[in-house]
Amino acid sequence: MNLPKFLLGDNTDHKEDIFVIHTEFPRFIINLVDDEIEWLEDFHGEDQEELETQVAVLIEQSSEFYDREMKRYEAE
């Protein structure tokens, strides 16, 4: 299966939250409401340093993905 880089996540138990799932390394779920990130990877040493440099870019890409998706839903 070829997964897209980002997926939207929805859960009626968390109606106010907006989840975006990043499916490529480093895999994570971000709640765009508060920018809380749940990492789906275990990081060690060098990985942690690389992660810190990528976080800001990945958060921005997640937000851009969400905004693009919402514009598409509104257009339908």
PDB file of N, CA and C in Angstrom:
ATOM      1  N   MET A   1       0.847  -1.166   0.000  1.00  0.00           N
ATOM      2  CA  MET A   1       0.000   0.000   0.000  1.00  0.00           C
ATOM      3  C   MET A   1       0.899   1.237   0.000  1.00  0.00           C
ATOM      4  N   ASN A   2       0.541   2.198  -0.808  1.00  0.00           N
ATOM      5  CA  ASN A   2       1.275   3.449  -0.885  1.00  0.00           C
ATOM      6  C   ASN A   2       0.494   4.518  -0.124  1.00  0.00           C
ATOM      7  N   LEU A   3       0.934   4.837   1.092  1.00  0.00           N
ATOM      8  CA  LEU A   3       0.232   5.815   1.923  1.00  0.00           C
ATOM      9  C   LEU A   3       0.639   7.231   1.549  1.00  0.00           C
ATOM     10  N   PRO A   4      -0.304   8.173   1.646  1.00  0.00           N
ATOM     11  CA  PRO A   4       0.066   9.574   1.475  1.00  0.00           C
ATOM     12  C   PRO A   4       0.929  10.024   2.656  1.00  0.00           C
ATOM     13  N   LYS A   5       1.670  11.097   2.467  1.00  0.00           N
ATOM     14  CA  LYS A   5       2.563  11.601   3.511  1.00  0.00           C
ATOM     15  C   LYS A   5       1.784  12.059   4.741  1.00  0.00           C
ATOM     16  N   PHE A   6       0.608  12.661   4.547  1.00  0.00           N
ATOM     17  CA  PHE A   6      -0.222  13.146   5.650  1.00  0.00           C
ATOM     18  C   PHE A   6      -1.632  12.591   5.536  1.00  0.00           C
ATOM     19  N   LEU A   7      -2.251  12.331   6.687  1.00  0.00           N
ATOM     20  CA  LEU A   7      -3.639  11.910   6.782  1.00  0.00           C
ATOM     21  C   LEU A   7      -4.332  12.742   7.853  1.00  0.00           C
ATOM     22  N   LEU A   8      -5.611  13.018   7.668  1.00  0.00           N
ATOM     23  CA  LEU A   8      -6.400  13.668   8.712  1.00  0.00           C
ATOM     24  C   LEU A   8      -6.967  12.608   9.631  1.00  0.00           C
ATOM     25  N   GLY A   9      -6.984  12.901  10.923  1.00  0.00           N
ATOM     26  CA  GLY A   9      -7.543  11.982  11.904  1.00  0.00           C
ATOM     27  C   GLY A   9      -8.695  12.649  12.628  1.00  0.00           C
ATOM     28  N   ASP A  10      -9.763  11.919  12.866  1.00  0.00           N
ATOM     29  CA  ASP A  10     -10.951  12.455  13.509  1.00  0.00           C
ATOM     30  C   ASP A  10     -11.389  11.489  14.590  1.00  0.00           C
ATOM     31  N   ASN A  11     -11.875  12.036  15.697  1.00  0.00           N
ATOM     32  CA  ASN A  11     -12.352  11.193  16.780  1.00  0.00           C
ATOM     33  C   ASN A  11     -13.429  11.963  17.532  1.00  0.00           C
ATOM     34  N   THR A  12     -14.626  11.385  17.621  1.00  0.00           N
ATOM     35  CA  THR A  12     -15.739  12.085  18.267  1.00  0.00           C
ATOM     36  C   THR A  12     -15.529  12.250  19.771  1.00  0.00           C
ATOM     37  N   ASP A  13     -14.605  11.511  20.365  1.00  0.00           N
ATOM     38  CA  ASP A  13     -14.282  11.709  21.782  1.00  0.00           C
ATOM     39  C   ASP A  13     -13.458  12.980  21.986  1.00  0.00           C
ATOM     40  N   HIS A  14     -12.894  13.510  20.910  1.00  0.00           N
ATOM     41  CA  HIS A  14     -12.056  14.716  20.961  1.00  0.00           C
ATOM     42  C   HIS A  14     -12.531  15.680  19.879  1.00  0.00           C
ATOM     43  N   LYS A  15     -13.752  16.158  20.031  1.00  0.00           N
ATOM     44  CA  LYS A  15     -14.418  16.937  18.990  1.00  0.00           C
ATOM     45  C   LYS A  15     -13.700  18.235  18.643  1.00  0.00           C
ATOM     46  N   GLU A  16     -13.013  18.836  19.566  1.00  0.00           N
ATOM     47  CA  GLU A  16     -12.349  20.116  19.325  1.00  0.00           C
ATOM     48  C   GLU A  16     -10.954  19.946  18.719  1.00  0.00           C
ATOM     49  N   ASP A  17     -10.406  18.739  18.747  1.00  0.00           N
ATOM     50  CA  ASP A  17      -9.047  18.501  18.291  1.00  0.00           C
ATOM     51  C   ASP A  17      -8.983  18.274  16.784  1.00  0.00           C
ATOM     52  N   ILE A  18      -7.841  18.642  16.212  1.00  0.00           N
ATOM     53  CA  ILE A  18      -7.580  18.464  14.782  1.00  0.00           C
ATOM     54  C   ILE A  18      -6.286  17.658  14.676  1.00  0.00           C
ATOM     55  N   PHE A  19      -6.401  16.396  14.285  1.00  0.00           N
ATOM     56  CA  PHE A  19      -5.240  15.523  14.205  1.00  0.00           C
ATOM     57  C   PHE A  19      -4.753  15.373  12.765  1.00  0.00           C
ATOM     58  N   VAL A  20      -3.449  15.468  12.586  1.00  0.00           N
ATOM     59  CA  VAL A  20      -2.810  15.161  11.314  1.00  0.00           C
ATOM     60  C   VAL A  20      -1.770  14.085  11.599  1.00  0.00           C
ATOM     61  N   ILE A  21      -1.801  13.026  10.800  1.00  0.00           N
ATOM     62  CA  ILE A  21      -0.865  11.910  10.958  1.00  0.00           C
ATOM     63  C   ILE A  21       0.179  11.996   9.862  1.00  0.00           C
ATOM     64  N   HIS A  22       1.444  12.024  10.259  1.00  0.00           N
ATOM     65  CA  HIS A  22       2.562  12.036   9.315  1.00  0.00           C
ATOM     66  C   HIS A  22       3.039  10.586   9.201  1.00  0.00           C
ATOM     67  N   THR A  23       2.981  10.019   7.983  1.00  0.00           N
ATOM     68  CA  THR A  23       3.211   8.582   7.809  1.00  0.00           C
ATOM     69  C   THR A  23       4.642   8.210   7.428  1.00  0.00           C
ATOM     70  N   GLU A  24       5.483   9.216   7.165  1.00  0.00           N
ATOM     71  CA  GLU A  24       6.873   8.944   6.801  1.00  0.00           C
ATOM     72  C   GLU A  24       7.766   9.202   8.010  1.00  0.00           C
ATOM     73  N   PHE A  25       9.009   8.713   7.944  1.00  0.00           N
ATOM     74  CA  PHE A  25       9.928   8.937   9.061  1.00  0.00           C
ATOM     75  C   PHE A  25      10.242  10.415   9.187  1.00  0.00           C
ATOM     76  N   PRO A  26      10.178  10.956  10.352  1.00  0.00           N
ATOM     77  CA  PRO A  26       9.736  10.360  11.609  1.00  0.00           C
ATOM     78  C   PRO A  26       8.210  10.423  11.720  1.00  0.00           C
ATOM     79  N   ARG A  27       7.592   9.291  11.950  1.00  0.00           N
ATOM     80  CA  ARG A  27       6.136   9.196  12.014  1.00  0.00           C
ATOM     81  C   ARG A  27       5.629   9.832  13.306  1.00  0.00           C
ATOM     82  N   PHE A  28       4.531  10.576  13.187  1.00  0.00           N
ATOM     83  CA  PHE A  28       3.951  11.223  14.363  1.00  0.00           C
ATOM     84  C   PHE A  28       2.501  11.591  14.102  1.00  0.00           C
ATOM     85  N   ILE A  29       1.814  11.919  15.185  1.00  0.00           N
ATOM     86  CA  ILE A  29       0.473  12.485  15.131  1.00  0.00           C
ATOM     87  C   ILE A  29       0.566  13.841  15.822  1.00  0.00           C
ATOM     88  N   ILE A  30       0.070  14.873  15.150  1.00  0.00           N
ATOM     89  CA  ILE A  30       0.075  16.206  15.744  1.00  0.00           C
ATOM     90  C   ILE A  30      -1.358  16.684  15.916  1.00  0.00           C
ATOM     91  N   ASN A  31      -1.610  17.303  17.042  1.00  0.00           N
ATOM     92  CA  ASN A  31      -2.882  17.956  17.286  1.00  0.00           C
ATOM     93  C   ASN A  31      -2.659  19.423  16.950  1.00  0.00           C
ATOM     94  N   LEU A  32      -3.240  19.898  15.857  1.00  0.00           N
ATOM     95  CA  LEU A  32      -3.005  21.261  15.406  1.00  0.00           C
ATOM     96  C   LEU A  32      -3.622  22.313  16.320  1.00  0.00           C
ATOM     97  N   VAL A  33      -4.496  21.909  17.207  1.00  0.00           N
ATOM     98  CA  VAL A  33      -5.092  22.864  18.139  1.00  0.00           C
ATOM     99  C   VAL A  33      -4.038  23.389  19.114  1.00  0.00           C
ATOM    100  N   ASP A  34      -3.175  22.497  19.599  1.00  0.00           N
ATOM    101  CA  ASP A  34      -2.170  22.914  20.586  1.00  0.00           C
ATOM    102  C   ASP A  34      -0.734  22.521  20.195  1.00  0.00           C
ATOM    103  N   ASP A  35      -0.549  22.010  18.969  1.00  0.00           N
ATOM    104  CA  ASP A  35       0.767  21.576  18.456  1.00  0.00           C
ATOM    105  C   ASP A  35       1.404  20.461  19.283  1.00  0.00           C
ATOM    106  N   GLU A  36       0.594  19.729  20.047  1.00  0.00           N
ATOM    107  CA  GLU A  36       1.124  18.585  20.788  1.00  0.00           C
ATOM    108  C   GLU A  36       1.415  17.465  19.802  1.00  0.00           C
ATOM    109  N   ILE A  37       2.579  16.844  19.958  1.00  0.00           N
ATOM    110  CA  ILE A  37       3.007  15.787  19.041  1.00  0.00           C
ATOM    111  C   ILE A  37       3.175  14.481  19.801  1.00  0.00           C
ATOM    112  N   GLU A  38       2.647  13.422  19.219  1.00  0.00           N
ATOM    113  CA  GLU A  38       2.863  12.067  19.716  1.00  0.00           C
ATOM    114  C   GLU A  38       3.730  11.357  18.685  1.00  0.00           C
ATOM    115  N   TRP A  39       4.960  11.047  19.063  1.00  0.00           N
ATOM    116  CA  TRP A  39       5.893  10.394  18.143  1.00  0.00           C
ATOM    117  C   TRP A  39       5.621   8.906  18.096  1.00  0.00           C
ATOM    118  N   LEU A  40       5.667   8.336  16.911  1.00  0.00           N
ATOM    119  CA  LEU A  40       5.446   6.903  16.715  1.00  0.00           C
ATOM    120  C   LEU A  40       6.775   6.193  16.457  1.00  0.00           C
ATOM    121  N   GLU A  41       7.854   6.853  16.801  1.00  0.00           N
ATOM    122  CA  GLU A  41       9.206   6.318  16.622  1.00  0.00           C
ATOM    123  C   GLU A  41       9.925   6.375  17.966  1.00  0.00           C
ATOM    124  N   ASP A  42      10.920   5.531  18.129  1.00  0.00           N
ATOM    125  CA  ASP A  42      11.829   5.614  19.265  1.00  0.00           C
ATOM    126  C   ASP A  42      13.099   6.282  18.778  1.00  0.00           C
ATOM    127  N   PHE A  43      13.517   7.338  19.477  1.00  0.00           N
ATOM    128  CA  PHE A  43      14.685   8.093  19.052  1.00  0.00           C
ATOM    129  C   PHE A  43      15.834   7.902  20.027  1.00  0.00           C
ATOM    130  N   HIS A  44      17.039   7.874  19.480  1.00  0.00           N
ATOM    131  CA  HIS A  44      18.245   7.713  20.281  1.00  0.00           C
ATOM    132  C   HIS A  44      19.347   8.607  19.723  1.00  0.00           C
ATOM    133  N   GLY A  45      20.076   9.272  20.588  1.00  0.00           N
ATOM    134  CA  GLY A  45      21.272  10.026  20.239  1.00  0.00           C
ATOM    135  C   GLY A  45      21.182  10.871  18.993  1.00  0.00           C
ATOM    136  N   GLU A  46      21.810  10.417  17.915  1.00  0.00           N
ATOM    137  CA  GLU A  46      21.862  11.171  16.667  1.00  0.00           C
ATOM    138  C   GLU A  46      20.479  11.410  16.081  1.00  0.00           C
ATOM    139  N   ASP A  47      19.591  10.424  16.221  1.00  0.00           N
ATOM    140  CA  ASP A  47      18.227  10.593  15.718  1.00  0.00           C
ATOM    141  C   ASP A  47      17.555  11.803  16.374  1.00  0.00           C
ATOM    142  N   GLN A  48      17.792  11.994  17.660  1.00  0.00           N
ATOM    143  CA  GLN A  48      17.177  13.097  18.399  1.00  0.00           C
ATOM    144  C   GLN A  48      17.632  14.437  17.825  1.00  0.00           C
ATOM    145  N   GLU A  49      18.886  14.569  17.494  1.00  0.00           N
ATOM    146  CA  GLU A  49      19.401  15.817  16.923  1.00  0.00           C
ATOM    147  C   GLU A  49      18.763  16.095  15.562  1.00  0.00           C
ATOM    148  N   GLU A  50      18.672  15.077  14.723  1.00  0.00           N
ATOM    149  CA  GLU A  50      18.050  15.235  13.404  1.00  0.00           C
ATOM    150  C   GLU A  50      16.583  15.618  13.557  1.00  0.00           C
ATOM    151  N   LEU A  51      15.920  14.994  14.489  1.00  0.00           N
ATOM    152  CA  LEU A  51      14.510  15.268  14.743  1.00  0.00           C
ATOM    153  C   LEU A  51      14.296  16.736  15.101  1.00  0.00           C
ATOM    154  N   GLU A  52      15.122  17.264  15.973  1.00  0.00           N
ATOM    155  CA  GLU A  52      14.962  18.641  16.428  1.00  0.00           C
ATOM    156  C   GLU A  52      15.062  19.631  15.273  1.00  0.00           C
ATOM    157  N   THR A  53      15.876  19.321  14.279  1.00  0.00           N
ATOM    158  CA  THR A  53      16.008  20.224  13.138  1.00  0.00           C
ATOM    159  C   THR A  53      14.821  20.115  12.188  1.00  0.00           C
ATOM    160  N   GLN A  54      14.131  18.984  12.195  1.00  0.00           N
ATOM    161  CA  GLN A  54      13.007  18.758  11.286  1.00  0.00           C
ATOM    162  C   GLN A  54      11.655  19.175  11.856  1.00  0.00           C
ATOM    163  N   VAL A  55      11.547  19.290  13.160  1.00  0.00           N
ATOM    164  CA  VAL A  55      10.251  19.493  13.809  1.00  0.00           C
ATOM    165  C   VAL A  55       9.515  20.718  13.275  1.00  0.00           C
ATOM    166  N   ALA A  56      10.166  21.855  13.222  1.00  0.00           N
ATOM    167  CA  ALA A  56       9.490  23.083  12.781  1.00  0.00           C
ATOM    168  C   ALA A  56       8.967  22.941  11.354  1.00  0.00           C
ATOM    169  N   VAL A  57       9.757  22.335  10.484  1.00  0.00           N
ATOM    170  CA  VAL A  57       9.345  22.139   9.089  1.00  0.00           C
ATOM    171  C   VAL A  57       8.148  21.197   9.023  1.00  0.00           C
ATOM    172  N   LEU A  58       8.185  20.120   9.779  1.00  0.00           N
ATOM    173  CA  LEU A  58       7.098  19.145   9.758  1.00  0.00           C
ATOM    174  C   LEU A  58       5.801  19.728  10.315  1.00  0.00           C
ATOM    175  N   ILE A  59       5.890  20.547  11.338  1.00  0.00           N
ATOM    176  CA  ILE A  59       4.690  21.192  11.888  1.00  0.00           C
ATOM    177  C   ILE A  59       4.091  22.130  10.845  1.00  0.00           C
ATOM    178  N   GLU A  60       4.940  22.894  10.184  1.00  0.00           N
ATOM    179  CA  GLU A  60       4.464  23.805   9.131  1.00  0.00           C
ATOM    180  C   GLU A  60       3.813  23.024   7.989  1.00  0.00           C
ATOM    181  N   GLN A  61       4.431  21.929   7.563  1.00  0.00           N
ATOM    182  CA  GLN A  61       3.864  21.109   6.492  1.00  0.00           C
ATOM    183  C   GLN A  61       2.525  20.512   6.915  1.00  0.00           C
ATOM    184  N   SER A  62       2.408  20.116   8.168  1.00  0.00           N
ATOM    185  CA  SER A  62       1.148  19.567   8.678  1.00  0.00           C
ATOM    186  C   SER A  62       0.040  20.608   8.620  1.00  0.00           C
ATOM    187  N   SER A  63       0.360  21.819   9.024  1.00  0.00           N
ATOM    188  CA  SER A  63      -0.616  22.907   8.990  1.00  0.00           C
ATOM    189  C   SER A  63      -1.022  23.244   7.566  1.00  0.00           C
ATOM    190  N   GLU A  64      -0.059  23.285   6.660  1.00  0.00           N
ATOM    191  CA  GLU A  64      -0.358  23.569   5.256  1.00  0.00           C
ATOM    192  C   GLU A  64      -1.238  22.481   4.651  1.00  0.00           C
ATOM    193  N   PHE A  65      -0.960  21.224   4.993  1.00  0.00           N
ATOM    194  CA  PHE A  65      -1.786  20.113   4.521  1.00  0.00           C
ATOM    195  C   PHE A  65      -3.225  20.286   5.000  1.00  0.00           C
ATOM    196  N   TYR A  66      -3.394  20.576   6.274  1.00  0.00           N
ATOM    197  CA  TYR A  66      -4.737  20.747   6.825  1.00  0.00           C
ATOM    198  C   TYR A  66      -5.472  21.896   6.130  1.00  0.00           C
ATOM    199  N   ASP A  67      -4.808  23.023   5.982  1.00  0.00           N
ATOM    200  CA  ASP A  67      -5.439  24.177   5.323  1.00  0.00           C
ATOM    201  C   ASP A  67      -5.856  23.832   3.897  1.00  0.00           C
ATOM    202  N   ARG A  68      -5.002  23.128   3.172  1.00  0.00           N
ATOM    203  CA  ARG A  68      -5.317  22.730   1.797  1.00  0.00           C
ATOM    204  C   ARG A  68      -6.532  21.806   1.768  1.00  0.00           C
ATOM    205  N   GLU A  69      -6.566  20.846   2.664  1.00  0.00           N
ATOM    206  CA  GLU A  69      -7.695  19.911   2.726  1.00  0.00           C
ATOM    207  C   GLU A  69      -8.995  20.634   3.043  1.00  0.00           C
ATOM    208  N   MET A  70      -8.958  21.573   3.972  1.00  0.00           N
ATOM    209  CA  MET A  70     -10.175  22.303   4.341  1.00  0.00           C
ATOM    210  C   MET A  70     -10.676  23.143   3.156  1.00  0.00           C
ATOM    211  N   LYS A  71      -9.783  23.750   2.404  1.00  0.00           N
ATOM    212  CA  LYS A  71     -10.203  24.500   1.214  1.00  0.00           C
ATOM    213  C   LYS A  71     -10.861  23.594   0.202  1.00  0.00           C
ATOM    214  N   ARG A  72     -10.349  22.375   0.052  1.00  0.00           N
ATOM    215  CA  ARG A  72     -10.948  21.417  -0.875  1.00  0.00           C
ATOM    216  C   ARG A  72     -12.336  20.992  -0.413  1.00  0.00           C
ATOM    217  N   TYR A  73     -12.519  20.775   0.910  1.00  0.00           N
ATOM    218  CA  TYR A  73     -13.839  20.414   1.420  1.00  0.00           C
ATOM    219  C   TYR A  73     -14.834  21.549   1.200  1.00  0.00           C
ATOM    220  N   GLU A  74     -14.393  22.777   1.432  1.00  0.00           N
ATOM    221  CA  GLU A  74     -15.266  23.934   1.245  1.00  0.00           C
ATOM    222  C   GLU A  74     -15.674  24.109  -0.206  1.00  0.00           C
ATOM    223  N   ALA A  75     -14.790  23.759  -1.124  1.00  0.00           N
ATOM    224  CA  ALA A  75     -15.069  23.913  -2.554  1.00  0.00           C
ATOM    225  C   ALA A  75     -16.084  22.889  -3.069  1.00  0.00           C
ATOM    226  N   GLU A  76     -16.265  21.798  -2.357  1.00  0.00           N
ATOM    227  CA  GLU A  76     -17.184  20.739  -2.820  1.00  0.00           C
ATOM    228  C   GLU A  76     -18.620  21.080  -2.584  1.00  0.00           C
TER     229      GLU A  76
END
